[in-house]
N, C-alpha and C. Protein backbone atom coordinates (compact mmCIF):
# COMPACT_ATOMS: atom_id res chain seq x y z
N MET A 1 -24.32 16.39 -66.47
CA MET A 1 -24.22 15.04 -65.97
C MET A 1 -22.79 14.47 -66.12
N PRO A 2 -22.08 14.68 -67.19
CA PRO A 2 -20.73 14.13 -67.30
C PRO A 2 -19.79 14.66 -66.21
N ARG A 3 -19.96 15.92 -65.79
CA ARG A 3 -19.09 16.51 -64.76
C ARG A 3 -19.27 15.76 -63.44
N ALA A 4 -20.47 15.46 -63.04
CA ALA A 4 -20.73 14.76 -61.79
C ALA A 4 -20.12 13.36 -61.81
N LYS A 5 -20.21 12.69 -62.93
CA LYS A 5 -19.65 11.35 -63.04
C LYS A 5 -18.13 11.37 -62.89
N LYS A 6 -17.47 12.38 -63.45
CA LYS A 6 -16.04 12.52 -63.39
C LYS A 6 -15.58 12.75 -61.94
N VAL A 7 -16.31 13.56 -61.18
CA VAL A 7 -15.97 13.85 -59.79
C VAL A 7 -16.08 12.59 -58.95
N VAL A 8 -17.10 11.80 -59.17
CA VAL A 8 -17.28 10.55 -58.43
C VAL A 8 -16.14 9.57 -58.75
N GLU A 9 -15.76 9.47 -60.01
CA GLU A 9 -14.68 8.57 -60.40
C GLU A 9 -13.36 9.00 -59.78
N GLU A 10 -13.09 10.32 -59.75
CA GLU A 10 -11.85 10.81 -59.14
C GLU A 10 -11.83 10.52 -57.64
N ALA A 11 -12.96 10.68 -56.98
CA ALA A 11 -13.04 10.41 -55.54
C ALA A 11 -12.78 8.93 -55.26
N ALA A 12 -13.28 8.07 -56.12
CA ALA A 12 -13.09 6.64 -55.94
C ALA A 12 -11.61 6.26 -56.12
N VAL A 13 -10.93 6.91 -57.02
CA VAL A 13 -9.53 6.61 -57.27
C VAL A 13 -8.66 7.08 -56.12
N LYS A 14 -8.98 8.21 -55.49
CA LYS A 14 -8.17 8.79 -54.44
C LYS A 14 -8.47 8.23 -53.05
N ALA A 15 -9.46 7.37 -52.91
CA ALA A 15 -9.82 6.83 -51.60
C ALA A 15 -8.66 6.00 -51.06
N PRO A 16 -8.24 6.24 -49.82
CA PRO A 16 -7.13 5.47 -49.25
C PRO A 16 -7.52 4.02 -49.02
N VAL A 17 -6.57 3.17 -49.18
CA VAL A 17 -6.79 1.74 -48.98
C VAL A 17 -6.40 1.41 -47.54
N LYS A 18 -7.32 0.83 -46.81
CA LYS A 18 -7.04 0.44 -45.44
C LYS A 18 -6.31 -0.90 -45.45
N ARG A 19 -5.21 -0.93 -44.75
CA ARG A 19 -4.46 -2.17 -44.63
C ARG A 19 -4.35 -2.51 -43.16
N THR A 20 -4.66 -3.72 -42.85
CA THR A 20 -4.54 -4.16 -41.47
C THR A 20 -3.23 -4.92 -41.31
N ARG A 21 -2.58 -4.67 -40.22
CA ARG A 21 -1.32 -5.37 -39.95
C ARG A 21 -1.59 -6.52 -39.00
N ARG A 22 -1.01 -7.63 -39.31
CA ARG A 22 -1.12 -8.78 -38.43
C ARG A 22 -0.06 -8.66 -37.36
N LYS A 23 -0.42 -9.04 -36.17
CA LYS A 23 0.57 -9.05 -35.10
C LYS A 23 1.49 -10.24 -35.31
N LYS A 24 2.77 -10.00 -35.09
CA LYS A 24 3.75 -11.06 -35.24
C LYS A 24 3.62 -12.02 -34.07
N VAL A 25 3.52 -13.29 -34.37
CA VAL A 25 3.41 -14.31 -33.34
C VAL A 25 4.80 -14.71 -32.91
N VAL A 26 5.07 -14.58 -31.63
CA VAL A 26 6.37 -14.93 -31.08
C VAL A 26 6.21 -16.23 -30.30
N PRO A 27 6.88 -17.29 -30.74
CA PRO A 27 6.73 -18.57 -30.05
C PRO A 27 7.40 -18.56 -28.69
N ASN A 28 6.85 -19.30 -27.77
CA ASN A 28 7.42 -19.44 -26.44
C ASN A 28 7.66 -20.93 -26.21
N PHE A 29 8.86 -21.39 -26.56
CA PHE A 29 9.19 -22.80 -26.43
C PHE A 29 10.03 -23.02 -25.19
N VAL A 30 9.79 -24.12 -24.53
CA VAL A 30 10.64 -24.58 -23.44
C VAL A 30 10.99 -26.02 -23.75
N ILE A 31 12.28 -26.32 -23.79
CA ILE A 31 12.75 -27.67 -24.08
C ILE A 31 13.12 -28.30 -22.74
N GLN A 32 12.54 -29.46 -22.48
CA GLN A 32 12.75 -30.10 -21.19
C GLN A 32 13.31 -31.50 -21.40
N SER A 33 14.28 -31.85 -20.57
CA SER A 33 14.88 -33.18 -20.65
C SER A 33 14.19 -34.11 -19.65
N ALA A 34 14.54 -35.37 -19.72
CA ALA A 34 13.97 -36.35 -18.80
C ALA A 34 14.44 -36.11 -17.37
N ALA A 35 15.56 -35.42 -17.21
CA ALA A 35 16.11 -35.15 -15.88
C ALA A 35 15.58 -33.83 -15.31
N ASP A 36 14.46 -33.36 -15.83
CA ASP A 36 13.82 -32.11 -15.40
C ASP A 36 14.69 -30.87 -15.56
N GLN A 37 15.59 -30.88 -16.50
CA GLN A 37 16.32 -29.68 -16.86
C GLN A 37 15.56 -29.03 -18.00
N SER A 38 15.55 -27.69 -18.04
CA SER A 38 14.84 -27.02 -19.12
C SER A 38 15.63 -25.83 -19.61
N VAL A 39 15.36 -25.45 -20.84
CA VAL A 39 16.01 -24.30 -21.47
C VAL A 39 14.98 -23.68 -22.42
N THR A 40 15.03 -22.38 -22.58
CA THR A 40 14.07 -21.69 -23.46
C THR A 40 14.62 -21.60 -24.88
N TYR A 41 13.72 -21.33 -25.78
CA TYR A 41 14.05 -21.15 -27.20
C TYR A 41 15.07 -20.03 -27.37
N ASP A 42 14.83 -18.90 -26.71
CA ASP A 42 15.73 -17.75 -26.84
C ASP A 42 17.13 -18.07 -26.32
N ALA A 43 17.21 -18.86 -25.25
CA ALA A 43 18.52 -19.23 -24.71
C ALA A 43 19.29 -20.10 -25.69
N VAL A 44 18.60 -20.99 -26.38
CA VAL A 44 19.25 -21.85 -27.37
C VAL A 44 19.78 -21.00 -28.52
N ILE A 45 18.96 -20.07 -29.01
CA ILE A 45 19.38 -19.19 -30.10
C ILE A 45 20.62 -18.40 -29.68
N GLU A 46 20.62 -17.86 -28.49
CA GLU A 46 21.76 -17.08 -28.01
C GLU A 46 23.02 -17.94 -27.90
N LYS A 47 22.88 -19.18 -27.44
CA LYS A 47 24.03 -20.08 -27.35
C LYS A 47 24.61 -20.37 -28.73
N VAL A 48 23.73 -20.58 -29.70
CA VAL A 48 24.19 -20.87 -31.07
C VAL A 48 24.89 -19.65 -31.65
N LYS A 49 24.29 -18.47 -31.48
CA LYS A 49 24.91 -17.25 -32.01
C LYS A 49 26.27 -16.98 -31.35
N ALA A 50 26.38 -17.28 -30.05
CA ALA A 50 27.64 -17.07 -29.34
C ALA A 50 28.73 -18.03 -29.84
N ALA A 51 28.33 -19.20 -30.30
CA ALA A 51 29.29 -20.18 -30.80
C ALA A 51 29.82 -19.82 -32.18
N PHE A 52 29.14 -18.93 -32.87
CA PHE A 52 29.52 -18.54 -34.23
C PHE A 52 30.00 -17.10 -34.22
N ASP A 53 31.18 -16.87 -34.78
CA ASP A 53 31.73 -15.53 -34.83
C ASP A 53 31.60 -14.99 -36.25
N GLY A 54 30.55 -14.23 -36.49
CA GLY A 54 30.32 -13.66 -37.82
C GLY A 54 28.87 -13.26 -37.98
N GLU A 55 28.54 -12.84 -39.19
CA GLU A 55 27.18 -12.41 -39.47
C GLU A 55 26.27 -13.62 -39.70
N VAL A 56 25.12 -13.61 -39.05
CA VAL A 56 24.17 -14.71 -39.17
C VAL A 56 23.02 -14.26 -40.05
N THR A 57 22.81 -14.97 -41.17
CA THR A 57 21.68 -14.68 -42.04
C THR A 57 20.60 -15.73 -41.94
N SER A 58 20.99 -16.96 -41.57
CA SER A 58 19.99 -18.00 -41.36
C SER A 58 20.52 -19.01 -40.35
N ILE A 59 19.59 -19.59 -39.59
CA ILE A 59 19.94 -20.60 -38.59
C ILE A 59 18.94 -21.74 -38.69
N ASP A 60 19.45 -22.96 -38.78
CA ASP A 60 18.62 -24.16 -38.67
C ASP A 60 19.12 -24.90 -37.43
N ILE A 61 18.17 -25.27 -36.55
CA ILE A 61 18.55 -25.92 -35.29
C ILE A 61 17.78 -27.22 -35.13
N TYR A 62 18.48 -28.27 -34.73
CA TYR A 62 17.88 -29.56 -34.43
C TYR A 62 18.21 -29.87 -32.98
N VAL A 63 17.20 -29.99 -32.14
CA VAL A 63 17.39 -30.19 -30.71
C VAL A 63 17.21 -31.67 -30.37
N LYS A 64 18.18 -32.22 -29.66
CA LYS A 64 18.08 -33.58 -29.13
C LYS A 64 18.21 -33.46 -27.62
N ALA A 65 17.08 -33.32 -26.94
CA ALA A 65 17.05 -33.12 -25.50
C ALA A 65 17.64 -34.31 -24.75
N GLU A 66 17.43 -35.53 -25.28
CA GLU A 66 17.97 -36.71 -24.59
C GLU A 66 19.50 -36.73 -24.59
N GLU A 67 20.11 -36.04 -25.56
CA GLU A 67 21.57 -35.92 -25.59
C GLU A 67 22.04 -34.63 -24.94
N GLY A 68 21.12 -33.69 -24.70
CA GLY A 68 21.49 -32.40 -24.14
C GLY A 68 22.21 -31.51 -25.12
N LYS A 69 21.93 -31.69 -26.41
CA LYS A 69 22.63 -30.96 -27.46
C LYS A 69 21.65 -30.28 -28.41
N ALA A 70 22.10 -29.19 -29.00
CA ALA A 70 21.40 -28.53 -30.11
C ALA A 70 22.39 -28.48 -31.26
N TYR A 71 22.05 -29.12 -32.36
CA TYR A 71 22.89 -29.13 -33.56
C TYR A 71 22.40 -28.03 -34.48
N TYR A 72 23.32 -27.30 -35.11
CA TYR A 72 22.92 -26.16 -35.92
C TYR A 72 23.65 -26.11 -37.26
N VAL A 73 23.01 -25.39 -38.18
CA VAL A 73 23.61 -25.03 -39.46
C VAL A 73 23.39 -23.54 -39.60
N ILE A 74 24.47 -22.79 -39.72
CA ILE A 74 24.39 -21.33 -39.85
C ILE A 74 24.78 -20.94 -41.26
N ASN A 75 23.98 -20.07 -41.85
CA ASN A 75 24.21 -19.55 -43.21
C ASN A 75 24.34 -20.65 -44.26
N GLY A 76 23.75 -21.80 -43.98
CA GLY A 76 23.71 -22.88 -44.95
C GLY A 76 24.97 -23.72 -45.05
N ASP A 77 26.07 -23.34 -44.34
CA ASP A 77 27.29 -24.13 -44.51
C ASP A 77 28.11 -24.36 -43.24
N VAL A 78 27.89 -23.61 -42.19
CA VAL A 78 28.66 -23.79 -40.96
C VAL A 78 27.85 -24.66 -40.01
N THR A 79 28.42 -25.79 -39.59
CA THR A 79 27.71 -26.71 -38.71
C THR A 79 28.42 -26.81 -37.37
N GLY A 80 27.67 -27.24 -36.36
CA GLY A 80 28.25 -27.43 -35.06
C GLY A 80 27.18 -27.84 -34.07
N ASP A 81 27.56 -27.84 -32.79
CA ASP A 81 26.58 -28.17 -31.75
C ASP A 81 26.93 -27.38 -30.49
N VAL A 82 25.91 -27.19 -29.65
CA VAL A 82 26.07 -26.54 -28.34
C VAL A 82 25.35 -27.38 -27.31
N ASP A 83 25.82 -27.28 -26.07
CA ASP A 83 25.13 -27.95 -24.97
C ASP A 83 23.88 -27.18 -24.59
N LEU A 84 22.80 -27.90 -24.34
CA LEU A 84 21.54 -27.25 -23.98
C LEU A 84 21.53 -26.83 -22.51
N PHE A 85 22.04 -27.69 -21.64
CA PHE A 85 21.89 -27.47 -20.20
C PHE A 85 23.22 -27.24 -19.53
């Protein structure tokens, strides 16, 4: 009897753990002004990255569609703005 119990315990320890992966949710934003101009989220990110020459580790963006501007903070210390439209 002890041998059978040991085999069952070993099988339980070696059983693979199933892990499910969540699909990454990719937002689809469109920013629209009162003058019916629009720009996508990806386009704003690309404009901000193009305005900064260097390695980007973090980006914070504040969009003011009524002004047509996106204000940004890159890597916690570089600030600036880009035109949206």
